[in-house]
N, C-alpha and C. Protein backbone atom coordinates (compact mmCIF):
# COMPACT_ATOMS: atom_id res chain seq x y z
N UNK A 1 112.75 115.23 116.05
CA UNK A 1 112.13 116.67 116.50
C UNK A 1 110.81 116.35 116.89
N UNK A 2 110.25 117.15 117.98
CA UNK A 2 109.03 116.64 118.55
C UNK A 2 108.05 117.82 117.69
N UNK A 3 107.11 117.23 117.23
CA UNK A 3 106.00 118.13 116.70
C UNK A 3 104.78 118.64 117.87
N UNK A 4 104.35 119.96 117.96
CA UNK A 4 103.43 120.40 119.02
C UNK A 4 102.51 121.26 118.39
N UNK A 5 101.62 121.71 119.22
CA UNK A 5 100.70 122.63 118.96
C UNK A 5 100.62 123.97 119.43
N UNK A 6 100.24 125.18 119.01
CA UNK A 6 100.05 126.13 119.76
C UNK A 6 98.70 126.62 119.81
N UNK A 7 98.01 126.63 120.87
CA UNK A 7 96.47 127.01 120.92
C UNK A 7 96.32 128.29 121.36
N UNK A 8 95.32 129.06 120.82
CA UNK A 8 95.19 130.49 121.15
C UNK A 8 93.77 130.52 120.81
N UNK A 9 93.00 131.43 121.42
CA UNK A 9 91.86 131.79 121.05
C UNK A 9 91.72 133.21 120.19
N UNK A 10 92.74 134.08 120.67
CA UNK A 10 92.90 135.05 119.76
C UNK A 10 94.27 135.51 119.59
N UNK A 11 94.61 136.24 118.42
CA UNK A 11 96.09 136.46 117.91
C UNK A 11 95.91 138.27 118.15
N UNK A 12 97.17 138.70 118.69
CA UNK A 12 97.20 140.03 119.03
C UNK A 12 98.60 140.60 118.45
N UNK A 13 98.23 141.60 117.65
CA UNK A 13 99.55 142.26 117.12
C UNK A 13 99.79 143.55 117.96
N UNK A 14 101.09 143.84 117.91
CA UNK A 14 101.46 144.94 118.80
C UNK A 14 100.88 146.35 118.54
N UNK A 15 100.46 146.58 117.14
CA UNK A 15 99.78 147.83 116.83
C UNK A 15 98.74 147.78 116.08
N UNK A 16 98.03 146.57 115.72
CA UNK A 16 96.94 146.37 114.74
C UNK A 16 95.75 145.83 115.50
N UNK A 17 95.87 145.45 116.88
CA UNK A 17 94.72 145.11 117.47
C UNK A 17 94.72 143.54 117.43
N UNK A 18 93.68 142.81 117.68
CA UNK A 18 93.53 141.54 118.11
C UNK A 18 92.46 140.83 116.90
N UNK A 19 92.38 139.44 116.70
CA UNK A 19 91.69 138.95 115.81
C UNK A 19 91.19 137.39 116.33
N UNK A 20 90.06 137.04 116.43
CA UNK A 20 89.82 135.62 116.91
C UNK A 20 90.28 134.68 116.07
N UNK A 21 90.94 133.56 116.50
CA UNK A 21 91.52 132.48 115.67
C UNK A 21 90.34 131.65 114.89
N UNK A 22 89.42 131.62 115.13
CA UNK A 22 88.46 130.83 114.40
C UNK A 22 88.27 132.01 113.08
N UNK A 23 88.22 133.17 113.05
CA UNK A 23 88.09 134.08 111.98
C UNK A 23 89.09 133.88 110.96
N UNK A 24 90.27 133.66 111.83
CA UNK A 24 91.30 133.44 110.65
C UNK A 24 91.45 132.14 110.05
N UNK A 25 90.98 130.96 110.71
CA UNK A 25 90.71 129.98 110.20
C UNK A 25 89.66 129.71 109.05
N UNK A 26 88.51 130.34 109.32
CA UNK A 26 87.30 130.28 108.45
C UNK A 26 87.48 131.23 107.21
N UNK A 27 88.02 132.45 107.52
CA UNK A 27 88.34 133.26 106.46
C UNK A 27 89.40 133.53 105.66
N UNK A 28 90.27 132.61 105.75
CA UNK A 28 91.60 132.47 104.91
C UNK A 28 91.22 131.76 103.72
N UNK A 29 92.13 132.07 102.49
CA UNK A 29 91.94 131.12 101.31
C UNK A 29 92.62 129.78 101.68
N UNK A 30 91.90 129.00 101.37
CA UNK A 30 92.35 127.51 101.22
C UNK A 30 93.28 127.23 100.06
N UNK A 31 93.33 127.50 99.21
CA UNK A 31 94.00 127.51 97.83
C UNK A 31 93.98 128.71 96.99
N UNK A 32 95.18 129.06 96.32
CA UNK A 32 95.15 129.93 95.13
C UNK A 32 96.10 129.42 94.45
N UNK A 33 95.91 130.16 92.73
CA UNK A 33 96.98 129.97 91.92
C UNK A 33 96.79 130.71 90.83
N UNK A 34 98.04 131.04 90.48
CA UNK A 34 98.32 132.01 89.19
C UNK A 34 98.92 130.76 88.04
N UNK A 35 98.15 130.75 87.16
CA UNK A 35 98.52 129.74 85.95
C UNK A 35 98.52 130.17 84.78
N UNK A 36 99.33 129.34 84.13
CA UNK A 36 99.52 129.63 82.36
C UNK A 36 98.47 129.38 81.52
N UNK A 37 98.59 129.60 80.60
CA UNK A 37 97.46 129.42 79.26
C UNK A 37 97.66 128.07 79.05
N UNK A 38 98.27 127.10 79.77
CA UNK A 38 98.52 125.71 79.67
C UNK A 38 98.48 125.06 80.73
N UNK A 39 97.72 125.71 81.72
CA UNK A 39 97.34 124.65 82.95
C UNK A 39 98.73 124.63 83.92
N UNK A 40 99.72 125.16 83.52
CA UNK A 40 101.15 125.31 84.50
C UNK A 40 100.84 126.29 85.43
N UNK A 41 101.69 125.99 86.39
CA UNK A 41 101.46 126.72 87.68
C UNK A 41 102.71 127.57 87.84
N UNK A 42 102.44 129.07 87.71
CA UNK A 42 103.45 130.12 87.87
C UNK A 42 103.60 130.57 89.67
N UNK A 43 102.68 130.27 90.22
CA UNK A 43 102.75 130.42 91.69
C UNK A 43 101.22 129.77 92.52
N UNK A 44 101.48 129.14 93.38
CA UNK A 44 100.30 128.84 93.91
C UNK A 44 100.30 128.23 95.48
N UNK A 45 99.21 128.10 95.99
CA UNK A 45 99.23 127.53 97.40
C UNK A 45 98.20 126.34 97.72
N UNK A 46 98.31 125.37 98.16
CA UNK A 46 97.64 124.12 97.98
C UNK A 46 97.10 123.53 96.81
N UNK A 47 97.90 123.95 95.54
CA UNK A 47 97.27 123.20 94.35
C UNK A 47 98.83 122.35 94.07
N UNK A 48 98.43 121.25 93.65
CA UNK A 48 99.61 120.16 93.38
C UNK A 48 99.78 120.01 91.91
N UNK A 49 99.00 120.57 90.93
CA UNK A 49 99.14 120.61 89.77
C UNK A 49 98.07 120.94 88.80
N UNK A 50 98.03 121.31 87.43
CA UNK A 50 97.10 121.59 86.65
C UNK A 50 96.98 120.58 85.55
N UNK A 51 95.69 120.43 84.80
CA UNK A 51 95.71 119.62 83.44
C UNK A 51 95.01 120.41 82.58
N UNK A 52 95.56 120.55 81.24
CA UNK A 52 94.76 121.37 80.36
C UNK A 52 93.97 120.22 79.80
N UNK A 53 92.84 120.56 79.72
CA UNK A 53 91.87 119.52 79.07
C UNK A 53 91.37 119.94 77.64
N UNK A 54 91.88 120.91 77.07
CA UNK A 54 91.50 121.36 75.53
C UNK A 54 91.49 122.85 75.87
N UNK A 55 91.24 123.43 74.65
CA UNK A 55 91.25 124.85 74.51
C UNK A 55 90.17 125.47 75.77
N UNK A 56 91.06 126.61 76.50
CA UNK A 56 90.31 127.19 77.59
C UNK A 56 89.46 126.38 78.51
N UNK A 57 90.10 125.13 78.86
CA UNK A 57 89.49 124.23 79.83
C UNK A 57 90.59 123.65 80.80
N UNK A 58 90.64 124.05 81.96
CA UNK A 58 91.75 123.46 82.96
C UNK A 58 91.15 122.85 84.32
N UNK A 59 91.92 122.16 84.47
CA UNK A 59 91.56 121.45 85.97
C UNK A 59 92.82 121.63 86.84
N UNK A 60 92.54 121.88 87.98
CA UNK A 60 93.56 122.14 89.14
C UNK A 60 93.39 121.33 90.26
N UNK A 61 94.21 120.35 90.81
CA UNK A 61 94.28 119.69 91.97
C UNK A 61 94.57 120.13 93.07
N UNK A 62 94.04 119.77 94.13
CA UNK A 62 94.23 120.38 95.58
C UNK A 62 95.32 119.53 96.02
N UNK A 63 96.34 120.02 96.79
CA UNK A 63 97.38 119.21 97.59
C UNK A 63 96.29 118.67 98.85
N UNK A 64 95.68 119.30 99.50
CA UNK A 64 94.75 119.06 100.48
C UNK A 64 93.36 119.12 100.16
N UNK A 65 92.48 118.31 100.09
CA UNK A 65 91.27 118.40 99.55
C UNK A 65 90.34 119.09 100.48
N UNK A 66 89.31 119.55 99.85
CA UNK A 66 88.20 120.32 100.48
C UNK A 66 87.37 119.26 101.10
N UNK A 67 86.54 119.61 102.13
CA UNK A 67 85.73 118.69 102.77
C UNK A 67 84.45 118.49 102.17
N UNK A 68 84.06 119.12 101.23
CA UNK A 68 82.71 119.05 100.35
C UNK A 68 82.82 119.68 99.08
N UNK A 69 82.09 119.79 98.44
CA UNK A 69 82.01 120.72 96.94
C UNK A 69 81.29 121.99 97.34
N UNK A 70 81.04 122.19 98.26
CA UNK A 70 80.35 123.48 98.75
C UNK A 70 81.32 124.29 99.14
N UNK A 71 82.44 124.78 98.30
CA UNK A 71 83.26 125.79 98.41
C UNK A 71 82.99 126.93 97.34
N UNK A 72 83.79 128.07 97.40
CA UNK A 72 83.47 128.85 96.54
C UNK A 72 85.18 129.17 95.69
N UNK A 73 84.76 128.91 94.31
CA UNK A 73 86.01 129.38 93.54
C UNK A 73 85.76 130.64 92.83
N UNK A 74 86.80 131.38 92.89
CA UNK A 74 86.72 132.63 92.29
C UNK A 74 87.90 132.65 91.32
N UNK A 75 87.43 132.87 89.97
CA UNK A 75 88.32 133.03 88.73
C UNK A 75 88.53 134.13 88.07
N UNK A 76 89.62 134.47 87.56
CA UNK A 76 89.73 135.59 86.77
C UNK A 76 91.02 135.23 85.95
N UNK A 77 90.93 136.39 84.71
CA UNK A 77 92.15 136.34 83.62
C UNK A 77 92.76 137.45 83.45
N UNK A 78 94.16 137.37 82.87
CA UNK A 78 94.92 138.43 82.83
C UNK A 78 94.50 139.70 81.67
N UNK A 79 93.89 138.93 80.76
CA UNK A 79 93.67 139.91 79.72
C UNK A 79 92.11 140.15 79.44
N UNK A 80 91.63 140.66 78.48
CA UNK A 80 90.23 140.97 78.26
C UNK A 80 89.53 139.92 78.15
N UNK A 81 89.58 138.72 78.74
CA UNK A 81 88.97 137.60 78.64
C UNK A 81 87.86 137.52 79.77
N UNK A 82 87.08 136.39 79.61
CA UNK A 82 86.13 136.02 80.77
C UNK A 82 86.59 134.68 81.46
N UNK A 83 86.19 134.46 82.59
CA UNK A 83 86.71 133.12 83.26
C UNK A 83 85.49 132.70 84.08
N UNK A 84 85.39 131.25 84.24
CA UNK A 84 84.32 130.75 84.96
C UNK A 84 84.62 129.51 85.70
N UNK A 85 84.10 129.24 86.79
CA UNK A 85 84.33 127.95 87.49
C UNK A 85 83.67 126.87 86.74
N UNK A 86 84.20 125.71 86.68
CA UNK A 86 83.42 124.61 85.92
C UNK A 86 83.15 123.84 87.03
N UNK A 87 83.22 122.47 87.01
CA UNK A 87 82.90 121.60 87.89
C UNK A 87 83.93 121.52 89.11
N UNK A 88 83.26 121.47 90.24
CA UNK A 88 83.85 121.21 91.64
C UNK A 88 83.86 120.17 92.18
N UNK A 89 85.01 119.39 92.71
CA UNK A 89 85.03 118.14 93.33
C UNK A 89 85.82 118.50 94.52
N UNK A 90 85.79 117.72 95.69
CA UNK A 90 86.36 117.93 96.65
C UNK A 90 88.12 117.99 96.73
N UNK A 91 88.35 117.12 95.46
CA UNK A 91 90.04 116.91 94.99
C UNK A 91 90.38 117.93 94.02
N UNK A 92 89.52 118.83 93.39
CA UNK A 92 90.07 119.64 92.20
C UNK A 92 88.63 120.43 91.81
N UNK A 93 89.24 121.44 90.95
CA UNK A 93 87.86 122.13 90.40
C UNK A 93 88.64 122.73 88.91
N UNK A 94 87.60 123.16 88.14
CA UNK A 94 87.86 123.32 86.77
C UNK A 94 87.60 124.90 86.63
N UNK A 95 88.52 125.34 85.56
CA UNK A 95 88.42 126.74 85.13
C UNK A 95 88.35 126.58 83.55
N UNK A 96 87.34 127.55 83.13
CA UNK A 96 86.97 127.64 81.63
C UNK A 96 87.15 129.23 81.50
N UNK A 97 87.95 129.31 80.13
CA UNK A 97 88.20 130.80 79.79
C UNK A 97 87.46 131.13 78.40
N UNK A 98 87.06 132.15 78.19
CA UNK A 98 86.37 132.57 77.18
C UNK A 98 86.62 133.98 76.52
N UNK A 99 86.57 134.23 75.08
CA UNK A 99 86.80 135.33 74.44
C UNK A 99 85.50 136.35 74.70
N UNK A 100 85.66 137.64 75.10
CA UNK A 100 84.33 138.39 75.04
C UNK A 100 84.29 138.96 73.84
N UNK A 101 85.20 139.05 72.68
CA UNK A 101 85.13 139.49 71.46
C UNK A 101 84.07 138.95 70.43
N UNK A 102 83.93 137.41 70.52
CA UNK A 102 83.12 136.82 69.72
C UNK A 102 82.35 135.82 70.28
N UNK A 103 81.33 136.24 70.82
CA UNK A 103 80.25 135.31 71.60
C UNK A 103 80.80 134.32 72.42
N UNK A 104 81.87 134.40 73.19
CA UNK A 104 82.44 133.49 74.07
C UNK A 104 83.03 132.22 73.51
N UNK A 105 83.81 132.39 72.73
CA UNK A 105 84.53 131.15 72.17
C UNK A 105 85.32 130.76 73.07
N UNK A 106 85.75 129.49 73.51
CA UNK A 106 86.94 129.13 74.54
C UNK A 106 87.86 129.47 74.05
N UNK A 107 88.92 130.00 74.84
CA UNK A 107 90.35 130.36 74.17
C UNK A 107 91.36 130.01 75.78
N UNK A 108 92.47 129.87 75.09
CA UNK A 108 93.64 129.45 76.30
C UNK A 108 94.03 130.84 76.50
N UNK A 109 94.16 130.92 78.09
CA UNK A 109 94.38 132.23 78.48
C UNK A 109 95.18 132.06 80.09
N UNK A 110 96.05 132.80 80.28
CA UNK A 110 96.23 133.15 81.88
C UNK A 110 95.27 133.02 82.67
N UNK A 111 95.19 132.39 83.96
CA UNK A 111 94.01 132.63 84.75
C UNK A 111 94.52 132.36 86.29
N UNK A 112 93.69 132.91 87.16
CA UNK A 112 94.15 133.19 88.58
C UNK A 112 92.82 132.38 89.22
N UNK A 113 93.06 131.98 90.37
CA UNK A 113 91.98 131.40 91.15
C UNK A 113 92.17 131.32 92.64
N UNK A 114 91.14 131.68 93.30
CA UNK A 114 91.17 131.54 94.79
C UNK A 114 89.95 130.74 95.28
N UNK A 115 90.31 129.86 96.28
CA UNK A 115 89.07 129.18 96.88
C UNK A 115 89.05 129.30 98.36
N UNK A 116 87.84 129.20 98.85
CA UNK A 116 87.33 129.89 100.00
C UNK A 116 86.44 128.46 100.36
N UNK A 117 86.34 128.27 101.65
CA UNK A 117 85.63 127.02 102.24
C UNK A 117 86.56 126.06 103.37
N UNK A 118 85.85 125.03 103.45
CA UNK A 118 86.52 124.04 104.66
C UNK A 118 87.44 123.01 103.99
N UNK A 119 88.43 123.08 104.45
CA UNK A 119 89.41 121.59 104.15
C UNK A 119 88.90 120.59 104.91
N UNK A 120 89.30 119.12 104.38
CA UNK A 120 88.68 118.06 104.69
C UNK A 120 89.67 117.94 106.23
């Protein structure tokens, strides 16, 4: 089967109008994940797997790396806890989860991430 390319400067929807393809490329999430409280993946895009580094400390690896460490990692948790991005590298990123109830003690929790930036 031959591989090919479709090249277009704009995409047009029959009722929703048009959008510049560069906006789509630059504005789309490059990775996202819904993760268990043990770094397992419930569902994801461009995430090859997770590592549980200890209580509330997870690292997720990209299937396709980011161009640099200058990307944005947005994190969240499912329960009334807090999450934060930790170390970012071109090939993976870290999520940390903390309890809000007791001075930010690290805890295991379900977490979500979205990555925006440039792929390598």
